[in-house]
Amino acid sequence: MIRFSALSVVSLFITSVTFMSCNGQNQPSVGASAKSPVVIRSNGPSTGKSGYYDYKPDTTQVSQYIRRIFQDKKGNLWFGTVGDGVCRYDGKSLRYYSVLDGFSGNSVQGIKEDKEGNLWFGTDGGLSKFDGIKFTNFTEKDGLPHHHVFSLLIDTSGIIWVGTNEGVCRFDGKTFTPFPIPAAVEKDLLRGSSPKIIWNMTEDKTGNIWFASNGGGAYRYDGKNLTNISKEDGLTNNFVNCILQDTKGNFWFAAQNKGVSRYDGNSFTYFSEKEGLAGNEVYTMYEDKAGNLWFSTWGSVSRYDGQSFTSFTTTGGLTNCCVQSIYEDRSGNIWFGSGAGIFYFDGKSFVNVTKKGPWPLQF
């Protein structure tokens, strides 16, 4: 059984956070599209700069850098971009929303939908609520700890959890309430990063909320107590990019430059390049409907069937760039958002979907 240890709170001041998107190779359109959507409106090509980001865009892509993918209850696909706001695909056309439309920011790092059908977006300009007609935005003046949002979660009770550059808060629809999480120790941080960032939040099957922190390990909140799991307890690294609970109940932790670790309730099992993982820097994890686990690494993704890894790289259609979002839609298409646009997996290889397609027929 692992031992839980609490981290002490260290007050630190970090002036800024800088992230550089990966410079993936531009990808041309793949063949003729069975469905060639018309772009209803685009707020112009990306300037290549938005907030903390800087990259050279390929304007043939839906967007050069896709950070989040989500399908709403109506079946629309939403793509959260770096620099181009959020893009919606309804099966026929693409529609872009940016600050010109009342959206809070141009870079999106979280997309969720509440029980009423409102969509919530975490951006580099705050938190946005979309009721299907208009956007309602929330920033520091409304109670957010910081306008730069890095993670977003809506739990089963309807509470919205927002992870920002200056920590986490909870929103009940009326009031933002700070949720203190111990910050990492400065000497352990990557240069320029904030010790208060929570990269990922997830709710497990029993209602616990988990937090992947920037140097402080992982945290679990059971509704009363906040418990820390750190390197001392068995994590490979205290810089946790993502946390996932699979259908079997195992917890997976993606650590920076240290592969992934699986906790079965009794002990940790480690997976790295040695065990077949495509790379040791894992950005995100996802479990598909068939029970396969997907891990994104630099320039490749790995699929784990419970026994072995199958890795996909440029030879399978991907570009040499990091994938930071994975999502399976209702039709079973598995989507990948990268620094070289959007891809979906057709069962054998990866297809790059540009503004002209090709979109999967089953969608």
Protein backbone atom coordinates (compact mmCIF):
# COMPACT_ATOMS: atom_id res chain seq x y z
CA MET A 1 0.00 0.00 0.00
CA ILE A 2 1.37 3.39 -0.84
CA ARG A 3 1.93 5.99 1.83
CA PHE A 4 0.33 9.41 1.48
CA SER A 5 2.27 12.47 2.54
CA ALA A 6 1.24 16.11 2.77
CA LEU A 7 3.28 18.83 1.12
CA SER A 8 3.96 22.06 2.90
CA VAL A 9 2.72 25.29 1.39
CA VAL A 10 5.41 27.50 -0.03
CA SER A 11 4.46 31.02 -1.09
CA LEU A 12 6.15 31.94 -4.34
CA PHE A 13 5.91 34.73 -6.84
CA ILE A 14 6.32 33.93 -10.52
CA THR A 15 5.95 36.86 -12.87
CA SER A 16 4.93 35.02 -16.02
CA VAL A 17 4.38 31.66 -17.66
CA THR A 18 5.70 31.00 -21.13
CA PHE A 19 4.76 28.11 -23.38
CA MET A 20 6.01 27.44 -26.87
CA SER A 21 3.90 25.27 -29.12
CA CYS A 22 5.76 22.54 -30.98
CA ASN A 23 6.80 23.40 -34.48
CA GLY A 24 5.24 20.57 -36.41
CA GLN A 25 5.60 20.22 -40.16
CA ASN A 26 2.77 21.63 -42.22
CA GLN A 27 0.49 18.93 -43.56
CA PRO A 28 -1.34 19.11 -46.89
CA SER A 29 -4.91 17.98 -47.30
CA VAL A 30 -5.24 14.20 -47.59
CA GLY A 31 -7.11 13.32 -50.75
CA ALA A 32 -10.57 14.50 -51.80
CA SER A 33 -13.15 14.98 -49.08
CA ALA A 34 -16.33 12.98 -48.96
CA LYS A 35 -17.66 15.95 -47.04
CA SER A 36 -16.10 19.30 -47.89
CA PRO A 37 -17.53 21.78 -45.38
CA VAL A 38 -17.84 25.45 -46.14
CA VAL A 39 -16.16 27.73 -43.65
CA ILE A 40 -19.04 29.99 -42.64
CA ARG A 41 -16.85 32.50 -40.96
CA SER A 42 -13.26 32.72 -39.92
CA ASN A 43 -11.80 35.64 -38.06
CA GLY A 44 -8.90 35.60 -40.48
CA PRO A 45 -5.79 33.47 -40.42
CA SER A 46 -3.99 33.17 -37.15
CA THR A 47 -1.37 35.80 -36.57
CA GLY A 48 0.80 33.14 -35.04
CA LYS A 49 0.81 34.88 -31.69
CA SER A 50 -1.74 34.73 -28.90
CA GLY A 51 -0.90 35.52 -25.32
CA TYR A 52 2.02 33.31 -24.35
CA TYR A 53 2.10 31.32 -27.58
CA ASP A 54 4.15 31.76 -30.73
CA TYR A 55 4.14 29.57 -33.80
CA LYS A 56 4.07 29.62 -37.60
CA PRO A 57 0.58 28.56 -38.66
CA ASP A 58 -0.48 26.45 -41.61
CA THR A 59 -3.69 28.21 -42.69
CA THR A 60 -4.97 25.15 -44.59
CA GLN A 61 -5.54 23.42 -41.24
CA VAL A 62 -8.70 23.87 -39.18
CA SER A 63 -6.16 25.43 -36.86
CA GLN A 64 -2.45 24.88 -36.55
CA TYR A 65 -2.55 23.87 -32.88
CA ILE A 66 -5.49 21.94 -31.36
CA ARG A 67 -5.37 21.74 -27.58
CA ARG A 68 -8.86 20.40 -26.75
CA ILE A 69 -11.53 18.31 -28.52
CA PHE A 70 -15.11 17.84 -27.29
CA GLN A 71 -18.48 16.66 -28.62
CA ASP A 72 -21.60 18.28 -27.15
CA LYS A 73 -25.01 16.70 -26.54
CA LYS A 74 -26.23 17.88 -29.96
CA GLY A 75 -23.38 16.06 -31.68
CA ASN A 76 -21.31 19.10 -32.61
CA LEU A 77 -17.54 18.73 -32.42
CA TRP A 78 -15.63 21.57 -30.78
CA PHE A 79 -11.93 22.17 -31.32
CA GLY A 80 -10.11 24.36 -28.84
CA THR A 81 -7.20 26.05 -30.59
CA VAL A 82 -4.11 28.06 -29.80
CA GLY A 83 -4.63 31.44 -31.45
CA ASP A 84 -7.90 30.90 -33.35
CA GLY A 85 -10.39 30.67 -30.50
CA VAL A 86 -12.77 27.72 -30.61
CA CYS A 87 -14.08 26.05 -33.77
CA ARG A 88 -17.36 24.13 -34.09
CA TYR A 89 -18.05 21.47 -36.71
CA ASP A 90 -21.72 20.48 -37.07
CA GLY A 91 -21.25 17.87 -39.79
CA LYS A 92 -21.63 20.39 -42.59
CA SER A 93 -19.61 23.50 -41.84
CA LEU A 94 -16.98 25.05 -39.62
CA ARG A 95 -17.77 28.02 -37.39
CA TYR A 96 -15.07 29.95 -35.54
CA TYR A 97 -15.60 31.96 -32.36
CA SER A 98 -12.99 34.39 -31.08
CA VAL A 99 -12.77 37.57 -29.02
CA LEU A 100 -14.51 39.34 -31.93
CA ASP A 101 -17.60 37.27 -31.11
CA GLY A 102 -17.47 37.96 -27.38
CA PHE A 103 -15.36 34.92 -26.56
CA SER A 104 -12.99 35.37 -23.60
CA GLY A 105 -9.74 34.46 -25.34
CA ASN A 106 -8.09 33.08 -28.46
CA SER A 107 -6.41 30.04 -26.86
CA VAL A 108 -8.52 27.26 -25.33
CA GLN A 109 -7.38 24.75 -22.71
CA GLY A 110 -10.68 23.37 -21.43
CA ILE A 111 -14.14 22.50 -22.85
CA LYS A 112 -17.01 21.06 -20.77
CA GLU A 113 -20.80 20.94 -20.95
CA ASP A 114 -23.14 21.30 -17.95
CA LYS A 115 -26.47 19.55 -17.32
CA GLU A 116 -28.39 22.45 -18.86
CA GLY A 117 -26.47 22.19 -22.12
CA ASN A 118 -24.31 25.25 -21.59
CA LEU A 119 -20.76 24.94 -22.87
CA TRP A 120 -17.88 26.18 -20.73
CA PHE A 121 -14.48 27.12 -22.09
CA GLY A 122 -11.26 27.78 -20.20
CA THR A 123 -9.10 30.22 -22.18
CA ASP A 124 -6.10 32.50 -21.90
CA GLY A 125 -8.57 35.32 -21.22
CA GLY A 126 -10.75 33.71 -18.54
CA LEU A 127 -13.78 31.44 -18.33
CA SER A 128 -16.54 31.57 -20.98
CA LYS A 129 -20.10 30.24 -20.82
CA PHE A 130 -21.94 29.70 -24.12
CA ASP A 131 -25.71 29.16 -24.03
CA GLY A 132 -25.94 28.63 -27.77
CA ILE A 133 -26.54 32.29 -28.50
CA LYS A 134 -24.12 34.43 -26.52
CA PHE A 135 -21.02 34.22 -24.39
CA THR A 136 -20.81 35.22 -20.73
CA ASN A 137 -17.23 35.76 -19.58
CA PHE A 138 -15.62 35.61 -16.13
CA THR A 139 -12.22 37.00 -15.14
CA GLU A 140 -10.40 38.20 -12.01
CA LYS A 141 -13.03 40.86 -11.38
CA ASP A 142 -15.61 38.09 -10.98
CA GLY A 143 -13.48 36.05 -8.62
CA LEU A 144 -11.13 33.97 -10.80
CA PRO A 145 -7.65 33.70 -9.25
CA HIS A 146 -6.17 34.47 -12.69
CA HIS A 147 -7.49 34.95 -16.22
CA HIS A 148 -5.25 32.26 -17.73
CA VAL A 149 -7.11 28.95 -17.34
CA PHE A 150 -5.16 25.69 -17.71
CA SER A 151 -7.72 23.05 -16.67
CA LEU A 152 -11.49 22.70 -16.33
CA LEU A 153 -13.82 20.17 -14.71
CA ILE A 154 -17.57 19.96 -14.03
CA ASP A 155 -18.19 17.36 -11.31
CA THR A 156 -21.29 15.19 -10.91
CA SER A 157 -22.88 17.71 -8.54
CA GLY A 158 -22.55 20.47 -11.15
CA ILE A 159 -19.73 22.40 -9.48
CA ILE A 160 -17.28 23.92 -11.96
CA TRP A 161 -13.62 23.56 -11.04
CA VAL A 162 -11.23 26.00 -12.68
CA GLY A 163 -7.45 25.61 -12.61
CA THR A 164 -5.60 28.85 -13.37
CA ASN A 165 -2.09 30.27 -13.37
CA GLU A 166 -2.67 31.24 -9.72
CA GLY A 167 -4.40 28.17 -8.40
CA VAL A 168 -7.81 26.47 -8.35
CA CYS A 169 -11.28 27.74 -7.53
CA ARG A 170 -14.82 26.33 -7.49
CA PHE A 171 -17.80 28.01 -9.14
CA ASP A 172 -21.40 27.20 -8.20
CA GLY A 173 -22.89 29.45 -10.87
CA LYS A 174 -22.89 32.50 -8.63
CA THR A 175 -19.70 32.65 -6.59
CA PHE A 176 -16.07 31.69 -7.15
CA THR A 177 -14.54 30.09 -4.05
CA PRO A 178 -10.76 29.60 -3.82
CA PHE A 179 -9.62 26.01 -3.33
CA PRO A 180 -6.08 26.11 -1.87
CA ILE A 181 -3.65 23.46 -3.06
CA PRO A 182 -0.04 23.48 -1.79
CA ALA A 183 2.32 24.98 -4.36
CA ALA A 184 5.46 23.24 -5.54
CA VAL A 185 8.90 24.11 -4.27
CA GLU A 186 10.60 26.66 -6.52
CA LYS A 187 13.85 24.76 -7.03
CA ASP A 188 11.92 21.89 -8.59
CA LEU A 189 10.15 24.03 -11.19
CA LEU A 190 10.89 24.41 -14.84
CA ARG A 191 12.11 27.90 -15.61
CA GLY A 192 9.29 30.43 -15.93
CA SER A 193 6.46 28.12 -14.84
CA SER A 194 4.07 28.81 -12.00
CA PRO A 195 4.13 26.53 -8.93
CA LYS A 196 0.35 26.87 -8.60
CA ILE A 197 -0.67 25.44 -11.98
CA ILE A 198 -2.91 22.36 -12.05
CA TRP A 199 -2.55 20.83 -15.50
CA ASN A 200 -5.43 18.38 -15.25
CA MET A 201 -8.43 17.65 -13.00
CA THR A 202 -10.61 14.55 -13.04
CA GLU A 203 -13.37 12.96 -10.94
CA ASP A 204 -13.09 9.26 -10.14
CA LYS A 205 -15.89 6.70 -9.86
CA THR A 206 -16.43 7.37 -6.16
CA GLY A 207 -16.59 11.15 -6.49
CA ASN A 208 -13.04 12.04 -5.47
CA ILE A 209 -11.49 14.96 -7.35
CA TRP A 210 -7.91 14.49 -8.53
CA PHE A 211 -5.42 17.23 -9.39
CA ALA A 212 -2.26 16.89 -11.51
CA SER A 213 0.12 19.56 -10.26
CA ASN A 214 3.15 21.36 -11.60
CA GLY A 215 5.82 19.93 -9.33
CA GLY A 216 3.75 18.96 -6.31
CA GLY A 217 2.71 15.49 -7.41
CA ALA A 218 -0.95 14.42 -7.47
CA TYR A 219 -3.70 15.40 -5.05
CA ARG A 220 -6.97 13.69 -4.15
CA TYR A 221 -9.92 15.50 -2.57
CA ASP A 222 -12.61 13.33 -0.97
CA GLY A 223 -14.96 16.18 -0.11
CA LYS A 224 -13.29 16.86 3.23
CA ASN A 225 -9.58 16.19 3.05
CA LEU A 226 -6.87 16.89 0.49
CA THR A 227 -4.31 14.08 0.25
CA ASN A 228 -1.03 14.20 -1.64
CA ILE A 229 0.72 11.44 -3.61
CA SER A 230 4.30 12.37 -4.40
CA LYS A 231 7.52 10.83 -5.63
CA GLU A 232 8.13 9.65 -2.07
CA ASP A 233 4.97 7.54 -2.30
CA GLY A 234 5.85 5.94 -5.62
CA LEU A 235 5.25 8.47 -8.41
CA THR A 236 8.06 8.63 -10.94
CA ASN A 237 7.99 12.43 -10.95
CA ASN A 238 6.21 15.23 -9.08
CA PHE A 239 5.45 17.03 -12.36
CA VAL A 240 2.18 15.36 -13.33
CA ASN A 241 0.65 16.18 -16.73
CA CYS A 242 -2.48 14.02 -16.56
CA ILE A 243 -4.40 11.61 -14.31
CA LEU A 244 -6.75 8.90 -15.62
CA GLN A 245 -8.87 6.23 -13.93
CA ASP A 246 -9.54 3.34 -16.32
CA THR A 247 -12.66 1.18 -16.43
CA LYS A 248 -10.94 -1.43 -14.24
CA GLY A 249 -10.40 1.15 -11.51
CA ASN A 250 -6.65 1.59 -11.97
CA PHE A 251 -5.19 5.07 -11.74
CA TRP A 252 -2.67 6.22 -14.33
CA PHE A 253 -0.28 9.14 -13.81
CA ALA A 254 1.62 10.77 -16.68
CA ALA A 255 4.79 12.39 -15.40
CA GLN A 256 7.09 14.74 -17.27
CA ASN A 257 9.99 12.84 -18.86
CA LYS A 258 9.29 9.77 -16.71
CA GLY A 259 6.70 7.78 -18.65
CA VAL A 260 3.52 6.68 -16.87
CA SER A 261 2.76 4.83 -13.66
CA ARG A 262 -0.28 2.70 -12.89
CA TYR A 263 -1.63 2.31 -9.37
CA ASP A 264 -3.93 -0.68 -8.78
CA GLY A 265 -4.72 0.12 -5.15
CA ASN A 266 -1.75 -1.77 -3.79
CA SER A 267 1.34 -0.89 -5.79
CA PHE A 268 2.72 1.10 -8.70
CA THR A 269 3.72 -0.37 -12.07
CA TYR A 270 5.90 1.76 -14.33
CA PHE A 271 5.83 1.99 -18.11
CA SER A 272 8.43 3.73 -20.22
CA GLU A 273 10.20 3.32 -23.55
CA LYS A 274 11.75 0.16 -22.11
CA GLU A 275 8.27 -1.43 -21.81
CA GLY A 276 7.20 -0.29 -25.29
CA LEU A 277 5.86 3.23 -24.73
CA ALA A 278 6.73 5.45 -27.71
CA GLY A 279 8.33 8.09 -25.49
CA ASN A 280 8.86 9.04 -21.87
CA GLU A 281 7.28 12.50 -22.12
CA VAL A 282 3.53 11.76 -21.95
CA TYR A 283 1.19 14.74 -22.36
CA THR A 284 -2.25 13.20 -22.12
CA MET A 285 -4.02 9.84 -21.75
CA TYR A 286 -7.38 8.56 -22.95
CA GLU A 287 -9.37 5.32 -22.74
CA ASP A 288 -11.51 4.45 -25.76
CA LYS A 289 -14.80 2.52 -25.75
CA ALA A 290 -12.98 -0.74 -26.50
CA GLY A 291 -10.87 -0.36 -23.37
CA ASN A 292 -7.64 0.58 -25.13
CA LEU A 293 -5.51 3.24 -23.46
CA TRP A 294 -3.92 5.93 -25.63
CA PHE A 295 -0.82 7.87 -24.60
CA SER A 296 0.48 10.90 -26.47
CA THR A 297 4.21 11.51 -26.63
CA TRP A 298 6.43 13.75 -28.76
CA GLY A 299 5.75 12.99 -32.43
CA SER A 300 3.88 9.77 -31.71
CA VAL A 301 1.06 8.08 -29.83
CA SER A 302 0.94 4.67 -28.17
CA ARG A 303 -2.06 2.36 -27.76
CA TYR A 304 -2.10 -0.11 -24.88
CA ASP A 305 -4.49 -3.09 -24.99
CA GLY A 306 -3.68 -4.27 -21.49
CA GLN A 307 -0.87 -6.51 -22.64
CA SER A 308 1.36 -4.61 -25.04
CA PHE A 309 1.93 -1.25 -26.69
CA THR A 310 1.44 -0.39 -30.35
CA SER A 311 3.04 2.89 -31.36
CA PHE A 312 2.16 5.16 -34.26
CA THR A 313 4.55 7.73 -35.69
CA THR A 314 5.06 9.65 -38.92
CA THR A 315 4.95 6.38 -40.88
CA GLY A 316 1.35 5.96 -39.72
CA GLY A 317 0.28 9.41 -40.87
CA LEU A 318 1.14 11.54 -37.87
CA THR A 319 3.51 14.49 -38.15
CA ASN A 320 6.59 14.96 -36.04
CA CYS A 321 4.79 17.05 -33.44
CA CYS A 322 3.26 16.63 -30.02
CA VAL A 323 -0.33 15.43 -29.61
CA GLN A 324 -1.98 17.04 -26.59
CA SER A 325 -5.64 16.09 -26.99
CA ILE A 326 -7.33 12.74 -27.64
CA TYR A 327 -11.10 12.23 -27.86
CA GLU A 328 -13.52 9.56 -29.13
CA ASP A 329 -16.81 10.80 -30.60
CA ARG A 330 -20.16 8.98 -30.48
CA SER A 331 -19.53 7.32 -33.84
CA GLY A 332 -16.31 5.76 -32.58
CA ASN A 333 -13.93 8.08 -34.40
CA ILE A 334 -10.84 8.76 -32.29
CA TRP A 335 -9.54 12.31 -32.75
CA PHE A 336 -6.10 13.69 -32.07
CA GLY A 337 -5.28 17.37 -31.72
CA SER A 338 -1.68 18.36 -32.34
CA GLY A 339 0.64 21.19 -33.28
CA ALA A 340 0.04 20.21 -36.91
CA GLY A 341 -3.76 20.27 -36.92
CA ILE A 342 -6.45 17.63 -36.41
CA PHE A 343 -6.18 13.90 -37.12
CA TYR A 344 -8.53 10.97 -36.76
CA PHE A 345 -7.64 7.29 -36.63
CA ASP A 346 -9.35 5.11 -39.26
CA GLY A 347 -8.30 1.86 -37.60
CA LYS A 348 -5.02 1.57 -39.48
CA SER A 349 -3.54 5.02 -39.95
CA PHE A 350 -4.05 8.68 -39.11
CA VAL A 351 -5.85 11.06 -41.46
CA ASN A 352 -5.18 14.79 -41.33
CA VAL A 353 -8.45 16.76 -41.51
CA THR A 354 -8.01 20.25 -42.94
CA LYS A 355 -10.60 22.94 -43.65
CA LYS A 356 -11.44 21.00 -46.82
CA GLY A 357 -11.61 17.63 -45.08
CA PRO A 358 -11.65 14.70 -45.42
CA TRP A 359 -14.10 14.19 -42.55
CA PRO A 360 -14.99 10.61 -41.55
CA LEU A 361 -18.12 9.40 -43.31
CA GLN A 362 -19.66 7.92 -40.15
CA PHE A 363 -19.69 11.33 -38.50
